[in-house]
Amino acid sequence: MEDIVNGYLDKVIDWIPGMENMRLKDFPSFIRTTDSEDIMLAIAKHELERISMASAIILNTFDDFEHQVLQAMSSIILPSIYTIGPLTLLAARTAGSSLADIRLNLWKEDPGCLEWLDGKEPRSVVYVNFGSLTVMTNEQLIEFAWGLANSEHKFLWIIRPDLVRGDTAVVPQEFMMETQERGLLASWCSQEQVLKHPSIGGFLTHCGWNSILESVCGGVPVICWPFFAEQLTNCRYLCTDQWGMGMEIDNNVKREEVEKLIKELMNGEKGMEMRNRALEWKELAVRATEPGGSSSVNFDRLVTEVLHPNNYNN
């Protein structure tokens, strides 16, 4: 425990193939656990065993986005790897695809979010959504609320009823009065559509993988507040030169920091650099899913080599 308090989690891990400049704290807690009986560690081990018996590994990513890691995986894992993402872009380019009509949400979407965004200037709105599972304390909710309010930027904030641990999520009435002319609160929305909307200038996120890919597809830079699992690793990649389109909020969130980072994201020099990087990744994602692009080619290979192997062998 003393080692951890003294910065042990900042220790650089330099021996994992394809992953540079990673610290111990950038990995999921179940990876760095000292408990060999940890249930999540056991699940991870089980999945690794299953991988060795699989015909293929299908990943919702694209080659340019995770090139080094994918190369390292290809050198040590037996099954063929097929990167076919971002799936939302690939599905949109597939003739006769009905995937765009499929919605898998735990919460009912509020169509009023997109209507509200339609009346806002380009890149003028901060979108805030911590996903379907992340929870926080009431104190953290209040700090986020006043950070948003004090930034004086327009915002769309998705607040699930169960966002606050052990209680119903309710923001202060004073906050509502302060921001009623420039903010919208909703319980859920179509995030993919929101992040592609021209009025969105930045995204305050928990760094879940779907959220990251949807940010890339929209060309939207992010402020990161990771919670658990792969979100910690995603955050590290976003906030370093690896992807270069994010800034991180300290876990012990304070309104002053939220305000400062939002202002930098929307108006600062670093925010502009992040936006340019996000747009570069968007362009690469689009190319990957176009005919002849890496994900498009890999999808065709997957169908031929794995789903219809008899035809391929003949």
C-alpha atoms as a PDB file:
ATOM      1  CA  MET A   1       0.000   0.000   0.000  1.00  0.00           C
ATOM      2  CA  GLU A   2       2.867   2.359   0.850  1.00  0.00           C
ATOM      3  CA  ASP A   3       4.402   1.756  -2.586  1.00  0.00           C
ATOM      4  CA  ILE A   4       1.118   2.722  -4.236  1.00  0.00           C
ATOM      5  CA  VAL A   5       0.825   5.884  -2.144  1.00  0.00           C
ATOM      6  CA  ASN A   6       4.390   6.814  -3.078  1.00  0.00           C
ATOM      7  CA  GLY A   7       3.638   6.751  -6.786  1.00  0.00           C
ATOM      8  CA  TYR A   8       4.069   3.091  -7.616  1.00  0.00           C
ATOM      9  CA  LEU A   9       1.172   3.300 -10.089  1.00  0.00           C
ATOM     10  CA  ASP A  10       3.210   5.820 -12.106  1.00  0.00           C
ATOM     11  CA  LYS A  11       5.789   3.133 -12.824  1.00  0.00           C
ATOM     12  CA  VAL A  12       6.461   2.875 -16.576  1.00  0.00           C
ATOM     13  CA  ILE A  13       5.741  -0.539 -18.097  1.00  0.00           C
ATOM     14  CA  ASP A  14       8.114  -0.893 -21.056  1.00  0.00           C
ATOM     15  CA  TRP A  15       8.039  -4.618 -21.850  1.00  0.00           C
ATOM     16  CA  ILE A  16       4.606  -5.043 -23.499  1.00  0.00           C
ATOM     17  CA  PRO A  17       5.014  -5.393 -27.291  1.00  0.00           C
ATOM     18  CA  GLY A  18       3.408  -2.559 -29.237  1.00  0.00           C
ATOM     19  CA  MET A  19       2.520  -0.447 -26.177  1.00  0.00           C
ATOM     20  CA  GLU A  20       4.940   2.386 -25.409  1.00  0.00           C
ATOM     21  CA  ASN A  21       4.972   4.957 -22.593  1.00  0.00           C
ATOM     22  CA  MET A  22       2.358   3.094 -20.576  1.00  0.00           C
ATOM     23  CA  ARG A  23       2.194   3.390 -16.798  1.00  0.00           C
ATOM     24  CA  LEU A  24       0.874   0.778 -14.418  1.00  0.00           C
ATOM     25  CA  LYS A  25      -2.179   2.936 -13.699  1.00  0.00           C
ATOM     26  CA  ASP A  26      -3.061   3.011 -17.407  1.00  0.00           C
ATOM     27  CA  PHE A  27      -4.118  -0.631 -17.294  1.00  0.00           C
ATOM     28  CA  PRO A  28      -7.403  -2.030 -15.962  1.00  0.00           C
ATOM     29  CA  SER A  29      -7.331  -2.686 -12.219  1.00  0.00           C
ATOM     30  CA  PHE A  30      -7.864  -6.419 -12.741  1.00  0.00           C
ATOM     31  CA  ILE A  31      -4.679  -6.563 -14.842  1.00  0.00           C
ATOM     32  CA  ARG A  32      -2.552  -4.987 -12.108  1.00  0.00           C
ATOM     33  CA  THR A  33      -4.203  -6.902  -9.263  1.00  0.00           C
ATOM     34  CA  THR A  34      -2.123  -8.840  -6.771  1.00  0.00           C
ATOM     35  CA  ASP A  35      -5.031 -11.227  -6.159  1.00  0.00           C
ATOM     36  CA  SER A  36      -4.546 -14.310  -8.326  1.00  0.00           C
ATOM     37  CA  GLU A  37      -8.176 -15.280  -7.622  1.00  0.00           C
ATOM     38  CA  ASP A  38      -9.635 -12.010  -8.931  1.00  0.00           C
ATOM     39  CA  ILE A  39     -12.763 -12.872 -10.948  1.00  0.00           C
ATOM     40  CA  MET A  40     -12.059 -10.409 -13.770  1.00  0.00           C
ATOM     41  CA  LEU A  41      -8.508 -11.709 -14.078  1.00  0.00           C
ATOM     42  CA  ALA A  42      -9.894 -15.234 -14.334  1.00  0.00           C
ATOM     43  CA  ILE A  43     -12.261 -14.136 -17.114  1.00  0.00           C
ATOM     44  CA  ALA A  44      -9.384 -12.495 -18.989  1.00  0.00           C
ATOM     45  CA  LYS A  45      -7.294 -15.660 -18.730  1.00  0.00           C
ATOM     46  CA  HIS A  46     -10.223 -17.730 -19.960  1.00  0.00           C
ATOM     47  CA  GLU A  47     -10.678 -15.482 -22.994  1.00  0.00           C
ATOM     48  CA  LEU A  48      -6.985 -15.759 -23.833  1.00  0.00           C
ATOM     49  CA  GLU A  49      -7.298 -19.532 -23.797  1.00  0.00           C
ATOM     50  CA  ARG A  50     -10.318 -19.328 -26.112  1.00  0.00           C
ATOM     51  CA  ILE A  51      -8.413 -17.079 -28.525  1.00  0.00           C
ATOM     52  CA  SER A  52      -5.867 -19.826 -29.160  1.00  0.00           C
ATOM     53  CA  MET A  53      -8.707 -22.085 -30.331  1.00  0.00           C
ATOM     54  CA  ALA A  54     -10.502 -19.509 -32.465  1.00  0.00           C
ATOM     55  CA  SER A  55     -10.585 -19.398 -36.268  1.00  0.00           C
ATOM     56  CA  ALA A  56     -10.275 -15.629 -36.302  1.00  0.00           C
ATOM     57  CA  ILE A  57     -10.136 -12.508 -34.132  1.00  0.00           C
ATOM     58  CA  ILE A  58     -12.477  -9.755 -35.283  1.00  0.00           C
ATOM     59  CA  LEU A  59     -11.754  -6.249 -33.970  1.00  0.00           C
ATOM     60  CA  ASN A  60     -13.811  -3.073 -34.206  1.00  0.00           C
ATOM     61  CA  THR A  61     -10.858  -0.828 -34.984  1.00  0.00           C
ATOM     62  CA  PHE A  62      -8.797   0.144 -38.034  1.00  0.00           C
ATOM     63  CA  ASP A  63      -5.173  -0.471 -38.890  1.00  0.00           C
ATOM     64  CA  ASP A  64      -3.895   3.107 -38.743  1.00  0.00           C
ATOM     65  CA  PHE A  65      -5.477   3.749 -35.349  1.00  0.00           C
ATOM     66  CA  GLU A  66      -3.720   0.900 -33.506  1.00  0.00           C
ATOM     67  CA  HIS A  67      -0.957  -0.060 -35.904  1.00  0.00           C
ATOM     68  CA  GLN A  68       1.767  -0.941 -33.383  1.00  0.00           C
ATOM     69  CA  VAL A  69      -0.490  -3.011 -31.135  1.00  0.00           C
ATOM     70  CA  LEU A  70      -1.989  -4.863 -34.083  1.00  0.00           C
ATOM     71  CA  GLN A  71       1.451  -5.697 -35.432  1.00  0.00           C
ATOM     72  CA  ALA A  72       2.503  -7.011 -32.031  1.00  0.00           C
ATOM     73  CA  MET A  73      -0.664  -9.092 -31.707  1.00  0.00           C
ATOM     74  CA  SER A  74      -0.158 -10.570 -35.167  1.00  0.00           C
ATOM     75  CA  SER A  75       3.335 -11.692 -34.175  1.00  0.00           C
ATOM     76  CA  ILE A  76       2.247 -13.596 -31.058  1.00  0.00           C
ATOM     77  CA  ILE A  77      -1.356 -14.748 -31.662  1.00  0.00           C
ATOM     78  CA  LEU A  78      -2.120 -17.738 -33.893  1.00  0.00           C
ATOM     79  CA  PRO A  79      -5.559 -16.880 -35.350  1.00  0.00           C
ATOM     80  CA  SER A  80      -5.806 -14.325 -38.146  1.00  0.00           C
ATOM     81  CA  ILE A  81      -6.799 -10.817 -37.046  1.00  0.00           C
ATOM     82  CA  TYR A  82      -9.456  -8.949 -39.014  1.00  0.00           C
ATOM     83  CA  THR A  83      -9.810  -5.238 -38.255  1.00  0.00           C
ATOM     84  CA  ILE A  84     -13.129  -4.124 -39.728  1.00  0.00           C
ATOM     85  CA  GLY A  85     -13.895  -0.862 -37.951  1.00  0.00           C
ATOM     86  CA  PRO A  86     -15.252   1.582 -37.300  1.00  0.00           C
ATOM     87  CA  LEU A  87     -18.268  -0.662 -37.797  1.00  0.00           C
ATOM     88  CA  THR A  88     -20.711   2.245 -37.996  1.00  0.00           C
ATOM     89  CA  LEU A  89     -18.860   3.643 -41.022  1.00  0.00           C
ATOM     90  CA  LEU A  90     -18.449   0.236 -42.615  1.00  0.00           C
ATOM     91  CA  ALA A  91     -22.148  -0.571 -42.187  1.00  0.00           C
ATOM     92  CA  ALA A  92     -23.144   2.754 -43.713  1.00  0.00           C
ATOM     93  CA  ARG A  93     -21.142   1.869 -46.837  1.00  0.00           C
ATOM     94  CA  THR A  94     -22.524  -1.649 -47.171  1.00  0.00           C
ATOM     95  CA  ALA A  95     -25.208  -1.854 -49.853  1.00  0.00           C
ATOM     96  CA  GLY A  96     -28.582  -2.890 -48.471  1.00  0.00           C
ATOM     97  CA  SER A  97     -27.326  -2.821 -44.872  1.00  0.00           C
ATOM     98  CA  SER A  98     -30.016  -2.530 -42.213  1.00  0.00           C
ATOM     99  CA  LEU A  99     -27.501  -2.075 -39.371  1.00  0.00           C
ATOM    100  CA  ALA A 100     -28.108   1.663 -39.308  1.00  0.00           C
ATOM    101  CA  ASP A 101     -31.657   0.967 -38.161  1.00  0.00           C
ATOM    102  CA  ILE A 102     -30.558  -1.182 -35.223  1.00  0.00           C
ATOM    103  CA  ARG A 103     -30.504   0.501 -31.817  1.00  0.00           C
ATOM    104  CA  LEU A 104     -29.236  -1.230 -28.688  1.00  0.00           C
ATOM    105  CA  ASN A 105     -29.746   1.102 -25.742  1.00  0.00           C
ATOM    106  CA  LEU A 106     -30.500   0.663 -22.068  1.00  0.00           C
ATOM    107  CA  TRP A 107     -32.307   4.018 -22.082  1.00  0.00           C
ATOM    108  CA  LYS A 108     -34.885   5.658 -24.328  1.00  0.00           C
ATOM    109  CA  GLU A 109     -33.392   8.250 -26.663  1.00  0.00           C
ATOM    110  CA  ASP A 110     -34.628  11.831 -26.493  1.00  0.00           C
ATOM    111  CA  PRO A 111     -35.129  13.080 -30.091  1.00  0.00           C
ATOM    112  CA  GLY A 112     -35.241  16.644 -28.790  1.00  0.00           C
ATOM    113  CA  CYS A 113     -31.446  16.634 -28.390  1.00  0.00           C
ATOM    114  CA  LEU A 114     -30.808  16.780 -32.137  1.00  0.00           C
ATOM    115  CA  GLU A 115     -33.503  19.409 -32.625  1.00  0.00           C
ATOM    116  CA  TRP A 116     -31.870  21.549 -29.931  1.00  0.00           C
ATOM    117  CA  LEU A 117     -28.453  21.169 -31.574  1.00  0.00           C
ATOM    118  CA  ASP A 118     -29.857  22.256 -34.932  1.00  0.00           C
ATOM    119  CA  GLY A 119     -30.262  25.780 -33.581  1.00  0.00           C
ATOM    120  CA  LYS A 120     -26.666  26.136 -32.366  1.00  0.00           C
ATOM    121  CA  GLU A 121     -23.580  27.527 -34.096  1.00  0.00           C
ATOM    122  CA  PRO A 122     -20.923  25.154 -35.509  1.00  0.00           C
ATOM    123  CA  ARG A 123     -18.566  23.711 -32.875  1.00  0.00           C
ATOM    124  CA  SER A 124     -20.171  25.733 -30.083  1.00  0.00           C
ATOM    125  CA  VAL A 125     -21.567  22.939 -27.861  1.00  0.00           C
ATOM    126  CA  VAL A 126     -19.839  20.699 -25.321  1.00  0.00           C
ATOM    127  CA  TYR A 127     -21.375  17.220 -25.271  1.00  0.00           C
ATOM    128  CA  VAL A 128     -21.200  15.405 -21.899  1.00  0.00           C
ATOM    129  CA  ASN A 129     -21.985  11.713 -21.515  1.00  0.00           C
ATOM    130  CA  PHE A 130     -20.391   9.208 -19.126  1.00  0.00           C
ATOM    131  CA  GLY A 131     -21.897   6.128 -20.766  1.00  0.00           C
ATOM    132  CA  SER A 132     -24.428   3.589 -19.597  1.00  0.00           C
ATOM    133  CA  LEU A 133     -22.522   2.120 -16.622  1.00  0.00           C
ATOM    134  CA  THR A 134     -20.307   4.789 -15.044  1.00  0.00           C
ATOM    135  CA  VAL A 135     -21.477   6.105 -11.681  1.00  0.00           C
ATOM    136  CA  MET A 136     -20.232   9.006  -9.567  1.00  0.00           C
ATOM    137  CA  THR A 137     -20.833  10.591  -6.195  1.00  0.00           C
ATOM    138  CA  ASN A 138     -23.241  13.469  -5.732  1.00  0.00           C
ATOM    139  CA  GLU A 139     -20.254  15.686  -4.932  1.00  0.00           C
ATOM    140  CA  GLN A 140     -18.642  14.830  -8.262  1.00  0.00           C
ATOM    141  CA  LEU A 141     -21.906  15.543 -10.098  1.00  0.00           C
ATOM    142  CA  ILE A 142     -22.058  18.983  -8.524  1.00  0.00           C
ATOM    143  CA  GLU A 143     -18.416  19.731  -9.405  1.00  0.00           C
ATOM    144  CA  PHE A 144     -19.040  18.775 -13.043  1.00  0.00           C
ATOM    145  CA  ALA A 145     -22.197  20.896 -13.075  1.00  0.00           C
ATOM    146  CA  TRP A 146     -20.543  24.070 -11.828  1.00  0.00           C
ATOM    147  CA  GLY A 147     -17.492  23.486 -14.010  1.00  0.00           C
ATOM    148  CA  LEU A 148     -19.801  23.426 -17.030  1.00  0.00           C
ATOM    149  CA  ALA A 149     -21.707  26.471 -15.819  1.00  0.00           C
ATOM    150  CA  ASN A 150     -18.577  28.515 -15.099  1.00  0.00           C
ATOM    151  CA  SER A 151     -17.082  27.704 -18.519  1.00  0.00           C
ATOM    152  CA  GLU A 152     -19.954  29.749 -20.017  1.00  0.00           C
ATOM    153  CA  HIS A 153     -20.163  27.403 -23.012  1.00  0.00           C
ATOM    154  CA  LYS A 154     -23.286  25.806 -24.393  1.00  0.00           C
ATOM    155  CA  PHE A 155     -23.650  22.146 -23.447  1.00  0.00           C
ATOM    156  CA  LEU A 156     -25.723  19.026 -23.936  1.00  0.00           C
ATOM    157  CA  TRP A 157     -25.431  16.865 -20.813  1.00  0.00           C
ATOM    158  CA  ILE A 158     -26.760  13.310 -20.698  1.00  0.00           C
ATOM    159  CA  ILE A 159     -27.656  12.468 -17.093  1.00  0.00           C
ATOM    160  CA  ARG A 160     -28.992   8.967 -16.515  1.00  0.00           C
ATOM    161  CA  PRO A 161     -31.331   8.620 -13.513  1.00  0.00           C
ATOM    162  CA  ASP A 162     -28.830   6.184 -11.951  1.00  0.00           C
ATOM    163  CA  LEU A 163     -25.693   8.230 -12.669  1.00  0.00           C
ATOM    164  CA  VAL A 164     -25.190   8.997  -8.971  1.00  0.00           C
ATOM    165  CA  ARG A 165     -24.149   6.013  -6.870  1.00  0.00           C
ATOM    166  CA  GLY A 166     -26.968   4.954  -4.545  1.00  0.00           C
ATOM    167  CA  ASP A 167     -29.174   7.960  -5.323  1.00  0.00           C
ATOM    168  CA  THR A 168     -31.105   9.751  -8.047  1.00  0.00           C
ATOM    169  CA  ALA A 169     -29.047  12.199 -10.103  1.00  0.00           C
ATOM    170  CA  VAL A 170     -30.309  15.722  -9.423  1.00  0.00           C
ATOM    171  CA  VAL A 171     -28.355  18.877 -10.213  1.00  0.00           C
ATOM    172  CA  PRO A 172     -28.742  22.019  -8.054  1.00  0.00           C
ATOM    173  CA  GLN A 173     -31.643  24.319  -8.881  1.00  0.00           C
ATOM    174  CA  GLU A 174     -29.209  27.246  -8.951  1.00  0.00           C
ATOM    175  CA  PHE A 175     -27.287  25.485 -11.716  1.00  0.00           C
ATOM    176  CA  MET A 176     -30.486  25.041 -13.743  1.00  0.00           C
ATOM    177  CA  MET A 177     -31.317  28.735 -13.431  1.00  0.00           C
ATOM    178  CA  GLU A 178     -27.753  29.761 -14.310  1.00  0.00           C
ATOM    179  CA  THR A 179     -27.571  27.657 -17.493  1.00  0.00           C
ATOM    180  CA  GLN A 180     -31.167  27.513 -18.751  1.00  0.00           C
ATOM    181  CA  GLU A 181     -30.388  29.648 -21.810  1.00  0.00           C
ATOM    182  CA  ARG A 182     -27.362  27.627 -22.952  1.00  0.00           C
ATOM    183  CA  GLY A 183     -27.693  24.104 -21.624  1.00  0.00           C
ATOM    184  CA  LEU A 184     -29.845  21.046 -22.236  1.00  0.00           C
ATOM    185  CA  LEU A 185     -30.137  18.058 -19.899  1.00  0.00           C
ATOM    186  CA  ALA A 186     -31.483  14.737 -21.197  1.00  0.00           C
ATOM    187  CA  SER A 187     -31.548  11.142 -19.958  1.00  0.00           C
ATOM    188  CA  TRP A 188     -30.209   9.625 -23.215  1.00  0.00           C
ATOM    189  CA  CYS A 189     -29.619  10.401 -26.894  1.00  0.00           C
ATOM    190  CA  SER A 190     -28.377   8.960 -30.172  1.00  0.00           C
ATOM    191  CA  GLN A 191     -24.698   9.532 -29.437  1.00  0.00           C
ATOM    192  CA  GLU A 192     -23.481   8.598 -32.909  1.00  0.00           C
ATOM    193  CA  GLN A 193     -25.722  11.251 -34.456  1.00  0.00           C
ATOM    194  CA  VAL A 194     -24.880  13.823 -31.799  1.00  0.00           C
ATOM    195  CA  LEU A 195     -21.124  13.457 -32.309  1.00  0.00           C
ATOM    196  CA  LYS A 196     -21.555  13.902 -36.058  1.00  0.00           C
ATOM    197  CA  HIS A 197     -23.615  17.057 -35.579  1.00  0.00           C
ATOM    198  CA  PRO A 198     -21.772  20.203 -36.752  1.00  0.00           C
ATOM    199  CA  SER A 199     -22.613  22.124 -33.563  1.00  0.00           C
ATOM    200  CA  ILE A 200     -20.553  19.790 -31.350  1.00  0.00           C
ATOM    201  CA  GLY A 201     -17.142  21.211 -30.495  1.00  0.00           C
ATOM    202  CA  GLY A 202     -15.982  18.789 -27.810  1.00  0.00           C
ATOM    203  CA  PHE A 203     -16.913  15.696 -25.834  1.00  0.00           C
ATOM    204  CA  LEU A 204     -16.529  15.086 -22.076  1.00  0.00           C
ATOM    205  CA  THR A 205     -16.449  11.289 -21.894  1.00  0.00           C
ATOM    206  CA  HIS A 206     -15.700   8.219 -19.760  1.00  0.00           C
ATOM    207  CA  CYS A 207     -13.547   6.871 -22.646  1.00  0.00           C
ATOM    208  CA  GLY A 208     -15.502   3.701 -23.423  1.00  0.00           C
ATOM    209  CA  TRP A 209     -14.452   2.139 -26.729  1.00  0.00           C
ATOM    210  CA  ASN A 210     -17.703   2.859 -28.577  1.00  0.00           C
ATOM    211  CA  SER A 211     -17.541   6.482 -27.450  1.00  0.00           C
ATOM    212  CA  ILE A 212     -13.939   6.804 -28.655  1.00  0.00           C
ATOM    213  CA  LEU A 213     -14.724   5.401 -32.106  1.00  0.00           C
ATOM    214  CA  GLU A 214     -17.797   7.620 -32.393  1.00  0.00           C
ATOM    215  CA  SER A 215     -15.633  10.627 -31.479  1.00  0.00           C
ATOM    216  CA  VAL A 216     -13.195   9.644 -34.213  1.00  0.00           C
ATOM    217  CA  CYS A 217     -16.004   9.263 -36.752  1.00  0.00           C
ATOM    218  CA  GLY A 218     -17.243  12.733 -35.840  1.00  0.00           C
ATOM    219  CA  GLY A 219     -13.777  14.312 -35.706  1.00  0.00           C
ATOM    220  CA  VAL A 220     -14.470  15.521 -32.153  1.00  0.00           C
ATOM    221  CA  PRO A 221     -11.724  16.077 -29.518  1.00  0.00           C
ATOM    222  CA  VAL A 222     -12.361  14.856 -25.982  1.00  0.00           C
ATOM    223  CA  ILE A 223     -11.905  15.521 -22.291  1.00  0.00           C
ATOM    224  CA  CYS A 224     -11.365  12.208 -20.507  1.00  0.00           C
ATOM    225  CA  TRP A 225     -12.697  11.008 -17.158  1.00  0.00           C
ATOM    226  CA  PRO A 226     -12.084   7.238 -17.265  1.00  0.00           C
ATOM    227  CA  PHE A 227     -13.795   4.977 -14.762  1.00  0.00           C
ATOM    228  CA  PHE A 228     -12.731   1.357 -15.198  1.00  0.00           C
ATOM    229  CA  ALA A 229     -11.685  -1.451 -17.594  1.00  0.00           C
ATOM    230  CA  GLU A 230     -10.203  -0.398 -20.959  1.00  0.00           C
ATOM    231  CA  GLN A 231     -11.245   3.229 -20.380  1.00  0.00           C
ATOM    232  CA  LEU A 232      -7.985   3.847 -18.501  1.00  0.00           C
ATOM    233  CA  THR A 233      -5.883   2.613 -21.421  1.00  0.00           C
ATOM    234  CA  ASN A 234      -7.979   4.509 -23.949  1.00  0.00           C
ATOM    235  CA  CYS A 235      -7.476   7.684 -21.941  1.00  0.00           C
ATOM    236  CA  ARG A 236      -3.700   7.284 -21.995  1.00  0.00           C
ATOM    237  CA  TYR A 237      -3.683   6.836 -25.771  1.00  0.00           C
ATOM    238  CA  LEU A 238      -5.991   9.822 -26.275  1.00  0.00           C
ATOM    239  CA  CYS A 239      -3.924  12.148 -24.102  1.00  0.00           C
ATOM    240  CA  THR A 240      -0.487  11.287 -25.488  1.00  0.00           C
ATOM    241  CA  ASP A 241       1.049  11.493 -28.941  1.00  0.00           C
ATOM    242  CA  GLN A 242      -0.410   8.064 -29.736  1.00  0.00           C
ATOM    243  CA  TRP A 243      -3.765   9.637 -30.680  1.00  0.00           C
ATOM    244  CA  GLY A 244      -3.315  13.217 -29.436  1.00  0.00           C
ATOM    245  CA  MET A 245      -6.963  14.243 -29.301  1.00  0.00           C
ATOM    246  CA  GLY A 246      -7.681  14.306 -25.562  1.00  0.00           C
ATOM    247  CA  MET A 247      -7.053  15.887 -22.155  1.00  0.00           C
ATOM    248  CA  GLU A 248      -7.613  14.157 -18.799  1.00  0.00           C
ATOM    249  CA  ILE A 249      -9.545  15.344 -15.756  1.00  0.00           C
ATOM    250  CA  ASP A 250      -8.195  14.241 -12.385  1.00  0.00           C
ATOM    251  CA  ASN A 251     -10.266  11.490 -10.774  1.00  0.00           C
ATOM    252  CA  ASN A 252     -10.849  13.790  -7.801  1.00  0.00           C
ATOM    253  CA  VAL A 253     -12.757  16.184 -10.032  1.00  0.00           C
ATOM    254  CA  LYS A 254     -12.909  19.894  -9.160  1.00  0.00           C
ATOM    255  CA  ARG A 255     -15.059  22.534 -10.836  1.00  0.00           C
ATOM    256  CA  GLU A 256     -12.061  24.806 -11.466  1.00  0.00           C
ATOM    257  CA  GLU A 257     -10.322  22.094 -13.484  1.00  0.00           C
ATOM    258  CA  VAL A 258     -13.490  21.249 -15.424  1.00  0.00           C
ATOM    259  CA  GLU A 259     -13.950  24.919 -16.306  1.00  0.00           C
ATOM    260  CA  LYS A 260     -10.305  25.327 -17.333  1.00  0.00           C
ATOM    261  CA  LEU A 261     -10.220  22.244 -19.558  1.00  0.00           C
ATOM    262  CA  ILE A 262     -13.509  23.055 -21.279  1.00  0.00           C
ATOM    263  CA  LYS A 263     -12.283  26.543 -22.107  1.00  0.00           C
ATOM    264  CA  GLU A 264      -9.019  25.115 -23.457  1.00  0.00           C
ATOM    265  CA  LEU A 265     -10.882  22.472 -25.446  1.00  0.00           C
ATOM    266  CA  MET A 266     -13.249  24.942 -27.064  1.00  0.00           C
ATOM    267  CA  ASN A 267     -11.061  28.027 -27.484  1.00  0.00           C
ATOM    268  CA  GLY A 268      -7.447  27.234 -26.649  1.00  0.00           C
ATOM    269  CA  GLU A 269      -4.415  26.445 -28.773  1.00  0.00           C
ATOM    270  CA  LYS A 270      -4.192  22.894 -27.417  1.00  0.00           C
ATOM    271  CA  GLY A 271      -7.887  22.429 -28.151  1.00  0.00           C
ATOM    272  CA  MET A 272      -7.267  23.437 -31.764  1.00  0.00           C
ATOM    273  CA  GLU A 273      -4.373  20.974 -32.031  1.00  0.00           C
ATOM    274  CA  MET A 274      -6.586  18.208 -30.608  1.00  0.00           C
ATOM    275  CA  ARG A 275      -9.374  19.061 -33.032  1.00  0.00           C
ATOM    276  CA  ASN A 276      -6.987  18.876 -35.968  1.00  0.00           C
ATOM    277  CA  ARG A 277      -5.764  15.464 -34.809  1.00  0.00           C
ATOM    278  CA  ALA A 278      -9.340  14.267 -34.381  1.00  0.00           C
ATOM    279  CA  LEU A 279     -10.147  15.373 -37.926  1.00  0.00           C
ATOM    280  CA  GLU A 280      -7.057  13.556 -39.203  1.00  0.00           C
ATOM    281  CA  TRP A 281      -8.212  10.354 -37.500  1.00  0.00           C
ATOM    282  CA  LYS A 282     -11.679  10.860 -38.950  1.00  0.00           C
ATOM    283  CA  GLU A 283     -10.224  11.045 -42.445  1.00  0.00           C
ATOM    284  CA  LEU A 284      -8.201   7.874 -41.875  1.00  0.00           C
ATOM    285  CA  ALA A 285     -11.270   6.064 -40.506  1.00  0.00           C
ATOM    286  CA  VAL A 286     -13.259   7.074 -43.588  1.00  0.00           C
ATOM    287  CA  ARG A 287     -10.482   5.845 -45.889  1.00  0.00           C
ATOM    288  CA  ALA A 288     -10.273   2.532 -44.022  1.00  0.00           C
ATOM    289  CA  THR A 289     -13.948   1.799 -44.633  1.00  0.00           C
ATOM    290  CA  GLU A 290     -14.085   2.953 -48.240  1.00  0.00           C
ATOM    291  CA  PRO A 291     -13.818   0.353 -51.039  1.00  0.00           C
ATOM    292  CA  GLY A 292     -10.193  -0.731 -51.127  1.00  0.00           C
ATOM    293  CA  GLY A 293      -9.548   0.564 -47.603  1.00  0.00           C
ATOM    294  CA  SER A 294      -8.006  -1.714 -44.981  1.00  0.00           C
ATOM    295  CA  SER A 295     -11.222  -2.393 -43.022  1.00  0.00           C
ATOM    296  CA  SER A 296     -13.268  -2.892 -46.166  1.00  0.00           C
ATOM    297  CA  VAL A 297     -10.708  -5.328 -47.568  1.00  0.00           C
ATOM    298  CA  ASN A 298     -10.483  -7.141 -44.229  1.00  0.00           C
ATOM    299  CA  PHE A 299     -14.255  -7.493 -44.095  1.00  0.00           C
ATOM    300  CA  ASP A 300     -14.289  -9.087 -47.538  1.00  0.00           C
ATOM    301  CA  ARG A 301     -11.454 -11.397 -46.464  1.00  0.00           C
ATOM    302  CA  LEU A 302     -13.357 -12.333 -43.316  1.00  0.00           C
ATOM    303  CA  VAL A 303     -16.403 -13.349 -45.319  1.00  0.00           C
ATOM    304  CA  THR A 304     -14.341 -15.310 -47.826  1.00  0.00           C
ATOM    305  CA  GLU A 305     -11.782 -16.947 -45.574  1.00  0.00           C
ATOM    306  CA  VAL A 306     -13.762 -17.556 -42.371  1.00  0.00           C
ATOM    307  CA  LEU A 307     -17.486 -17.480 -43.048  1.00  0.00           C
ATOM    308  CA  HIS A 308     -17.239 -19.301 -46.408  1.00  0.00           C
ATOM    309  CA  PRO A 309     -13.957 -21.228 -46.116  1.00  0.00           C
ATOM    310  CA  ASN A 310     -15.021 -24.007 -48.514  1.00  0.00           C
ATOM    311  CA  ASN A 311     -15.445 -21.533 -51.335  1.00  0.00           C
ATOM    312  CA  TYR A 312     -12.113 -19.924 -50.437  1.00  0.00           C
ATOM    313  CA  ASN A 313     -10.229 -23.224 -50.416  1.00  0.00           C
ATOM    314  CA  ASN A 314     -11.720 -24.202 -53.748  1.00  0.00           C
END
